[in-house]
Amino acid sequence: MSATESQASAPIDTQLDMATEGPRMTIWEHIGELRMRLVRIGIALLIGMIVGWTFRVDILAWLLKPYESAWVGQNLPGSPELQTLSPADVFVGYLQLSLAAAIVCSAPIIFYQLWAFISPGLYKKEKRFIAPFVIFSTTLFMSGVAFAYYVVFPFTFNYFFSLLGPVGQGGTVLTQRPTLTLYLDFYTELLIACGLAFELPLFISFLIMARIVTPMQLVKFSRWAIIGSFLIGAVVTPGPEISSQIAVSGALIGLYFLSMAIAFVIRPRSLPITNAS
């Protein structure tokens, strides 16, 4: 059998592999490529931090709205406060806030640089996904941030504040005066965590493209994914209020089933729908 006939009889993906395989990069070339991508991400974050620092007061005022609304909604006395314990706390707090704003605003650039770093190891048909990847990943991340701001924080603050008030008959009152640093730690970590959690469909898409899992494996695992989503929802949203738990758990379940739908669409043609094992 000639080489031409052998190539024609090979599976489609194998032919594609042979047609798209280029010169392999050495480990030092990979390190150089990684350094270049990290430098570009660092430049984007630096620019984002400068912009965030310029609008630091407006950003902090926006972040405080759920806190202030929950404070007023629970009829707590006085006005909500954020304390500082050292002269540098305000500067450090605003710097942390500027970094968090830079991460959120630079998300498209970060995801693009990530794709550009892994693209040399992809086939031609996969490299065409760069625009959908950047748009999809950025949309998911921003959706997670919005979900935390508009859903998680109001439920969380309202429950936490409902625990405050008089204790017994002795006149002791539980109140809350968090520091700026603690408030920003709680806020920014949860915002970014929700943004990353909403990247679940993207993560599963990579597993499908890498042939690590199959769509049917995702279907079989769905019952455990639903149970896990309700467990996570119960942990993330404290308190007995069932509506907040359903909101968080429903979002996670929706993301998982969205991931399953995407898996059936993007699965490699040589990968069967059913699990061969």
Foldseek 3Di string as FASTA:
>chain_A
DDPVVVLVPDDPVVVLCVVFDDDDDDPVVLVVLVVVLVVVLVVLLVVQLVVLLVCLVVLVVLQCVLLQVLCVVLVPPDGAAAADDDPCQVVVLSSLRSSLRSCLVCQLSNQLSVCVSCVVVDTPVVNVCSVVRSVVLNVLLVVLLVCCRPALSNLQSNVVVNPWADDPDPRDTGDDHHHSVVVSVVNSVNSRVSSVLSCVLVVLLVCQQVVVDALVVLVVCLVVQLVVLLVVLPVSRDDDDVVSSCSRSVSSSVSSVVSSVVRVVNHDPVDDNDDPD
